[in-house]
Amino acid sequence: MPLVKVFARVGMTKPIPLASLQSKLCAIWSTKPETTKLILSRVEDWTSDSFDEDCYIDIRAYGKAERTRE
């Protein structure tokens, strides 16, 4: 079950179309929307000065049969 966490700064003005992103990821990974989860979290800031982006993506996708629902 792929899990995609999207962390976006509160001040980010561009929209994040989760449904569209989920659809594209399902096509890439050959998964279903029921097993491909996306979570959006709005954050004030992060700690690293060298990381000067408005959006951070954390992807966890394990292809093990015992962890994937049918």
C-alpha atoms as a PDB file:
ATOM      1  CA  MET A   1       0.000   0.000   0.000  1.00  0.00           C
ATOM      2  CA  PRO A   2       1.794   3.175  -1.145  1.00  0.00           C
ATOM      3  CA  LEU A   3       1.580   6.079   1.278  1.00  0.00           C
ATOM      4  CA  VAL A   4       2.420   9.564   0.045  1.00  0.00           C
ATOM      5  CA  LYS A   5       2.762  12.367   2.587  1.00  0.00           C
ATOM      6  CA  VAL A   6       2.784  15.868   1.152  1.00  0.00           C
ATOM      7  CA  PHE A   7       4.078  18.576   3.467  1.00  0.00           C
ATOM      8  CA  ALA A   8       3.401  22.078   2.173  1.00  0.00           C
ATOM      9  CA  ARG A   9       4.132  25.431   3.741  1.00  0.00           C
ATOM     10  CA  VAL A  10       1.055  27.284   4.920  1.00  0.00           C
ATOM     11  CA  GLY A  11       1.946  30.239   2.683  1.00  0.00           C
ATOM     12  CA  MET A  12       2.240  28.127  -0.479  1.00  0.00           C
ATOM     13  CA  THR A  13      -0.107  29.688  -3.018  1.00  0.00           C
ATOM     14  CA  LYS A  14      -0.185  26.940  -5.642  1.00  0.00           C
ATOM     15  CA  PRO A  15      -2.968  24.391  -5.170  1.00  0.00           C
ATOM     16  CA  ILE A  16      -2.068  20.747  -4.604  1.00  0.00           C
ATOM     17  CA  PRO A  17      -4.551  18.604  -6.572  1.00  0.00           C
ATOM     18  CA  LEU A  18      -4.465  15.397  -4.510  1.00  0.00           C
ATOM     19  CA  ALA A  19      -7.042  13.522  -6.610  1.00  0.00           C
ATOM     20  CA  SER A  20      -5.125  14.199  -9.820  1.00  0.00           C
ATOM     21  CA  LEU A  21      -1.811  13.299  -8.199  1.00  0.00           C
ATOM     22  CA  GLN A  22      -3.289  10.082  -6.801  1.00  0.00           C
ATOM     23  CA  SER A  23      -4.621   9.114 -10.233  1.00  0.00           C
ATOM     24  CA  LYS A  24      -1.228   9.624 -11.855  1.00  0.00           C
ATOM     25  CA  LEU A  25       0.605   7.693  -9.139  1.00  0.00           C
ATOM     26  CA  CYS A  26      -1.865   4.806  -9.429  1.00  0.00           C
ATOM     27  CA  ALA A  27      -1.148   4.632 -13.164  1.00  0.00           C
ATOM     28  CA  ILE A  28       2.622   4.645 -12.555  1.00  0.00           C
ATOM     29  CA  TRP A  29       2.539   2.042  -9.780  1.00  0.00           C
ATOM     30  CA  SER A  30      -0.340  -0.056 -11.202  1.00  0.00           C
ATOM     31  CA  THR A  31      -2.278   0.315  -7.954  1.00  0.00           C
ATOM     32  CA  LYS A  32      -5.862   1.197  -7.072  1.00  0.00           C
ATOM     33  CA  PRO A  33      -6.997   4.423  -5.376  1.00  0.00           C
ATOM     34  CA  GLU A  34      -8.253   2.337  -2.430  1.00  0.00           C
ATOM     35  CA  THR A  35      -4.684   1.226  -1.670  1.00  0.00           C
ATOM     36  CA  THR A  36      -2.800   4.400  -2.645  1.00  0.00           C
ATOM     37  CA  LYS A  37      -3.114   6.918   0.187  1.00  0.00           C
ATOM     38  CA  LEU A  38      -2.208  10.596   0.008  1.00  0.00           C
ATOM     39  CA  ILE A  39      -2.020  12.848   3.056  1.00  0.00           C
ATOM     40  CA  LEU A  40      -1.612  16.628   2.893  1.00  0.00           C
ATOM     41  CA  SER A  41      -0.198  18.449   5.915  1.00  0.00           C
ATOM     42  CA  ARG A  42       0.179  22.219   6.027  1.00  0.00           C
ATOM     43  CA  VAL A  43       3.201  23.313   8.066  1.00  0.00           C
ATOM     44  CA  GLU A  44       4.540  26.654   9.240  1.00  0.00           C
ATOM     45  CA  ASP A  45       8.200  25.858   8.626  1.00  0.00           C
ATOM     46  CA  TRP A  46      10.863  23.139   8.762  1.00  0.00           C
ATOM     47  CA  THR A  47      14.238  23.181  10.416  1.00  0.00           C
ATOM     48  CA  SER A  48      16.869  22.912   7.690  1.00  0.00           C
ATOM     49  CA  ASP A  49      18.135  26.208   6.301  1.00  0.00           C
ATOM     50  CA  SER A  50      19.458  24.376   3.242  1.00  0.00           C
ATOM     51  CA  PHE A  51      15.976  23.094   2.392  1.00  0.00           C
ATOM     52  CA  ASP A  52      14.325  26.126   0.847  1.00  0.00           C
ATOM     53  CA  GLU A  53      11.309  24.544  -0.868  1.00  0.00           C
ATOM     54  CA  ASP A  54       7.597  25.129  -0.406  1.00  0.00           C
ATOM     55  CA  CYS A  55       6.696  21.457  -0.637  1.00  0.00           C
ATOM     56  CA  TYR A  56       8.230  18.203   0.599  1.00  0.00           C
ATOM     57  CA  ILE A  57       7.080  14.723  -0.482  1.00  0.00           C
ATOM     58  CA  ASP A  58       7.607  11.553   1.572  1.00  0.00           C
ATOM     59  CA  ILE A  59       6.817   8.329  -0.335  1.00  0.00           C
ATOM     60  CA  ARG A  60       6.640   4.926   1.286  1.00  0.00           C
ATOM     61  CA  ALA A  61       5.754   2.072  -1.009  1.00  0.00           C
ATOM     62  CA  TYR A  62       6.425  -1.512  -0.024  1.00  0.00           C
ATOM     63  CA  GLY A  63       5.757  -4.218  -2.604  1.00  0.00           C
ATOM     64  CA  LYS A  64       5.519  -7.065  -0.118  1.00  0.00           C
ATOM     65  CA  ALA A  65       2.535  -9.353  -0.538  1.00  0.00           C
ATOM     66  CA  GLU A  66       1.852  -9.557   3.210  1.00  0.00           C
ATOM     67  CA  ARG A  67       1.520  -5.763   3.399  1.00  0.00           C
ATOM     68  CA  THR A  68      -0.639  -5.235   0.310  1.00  0.00           C
ATOM     69  CA  ARG A  69      -4.388  -5.680   0.470  1.00  0.00           C
ATOM     70  CA  GLU A  70      -6.111  -7.465  -2.379  1.00  0.00           C
END
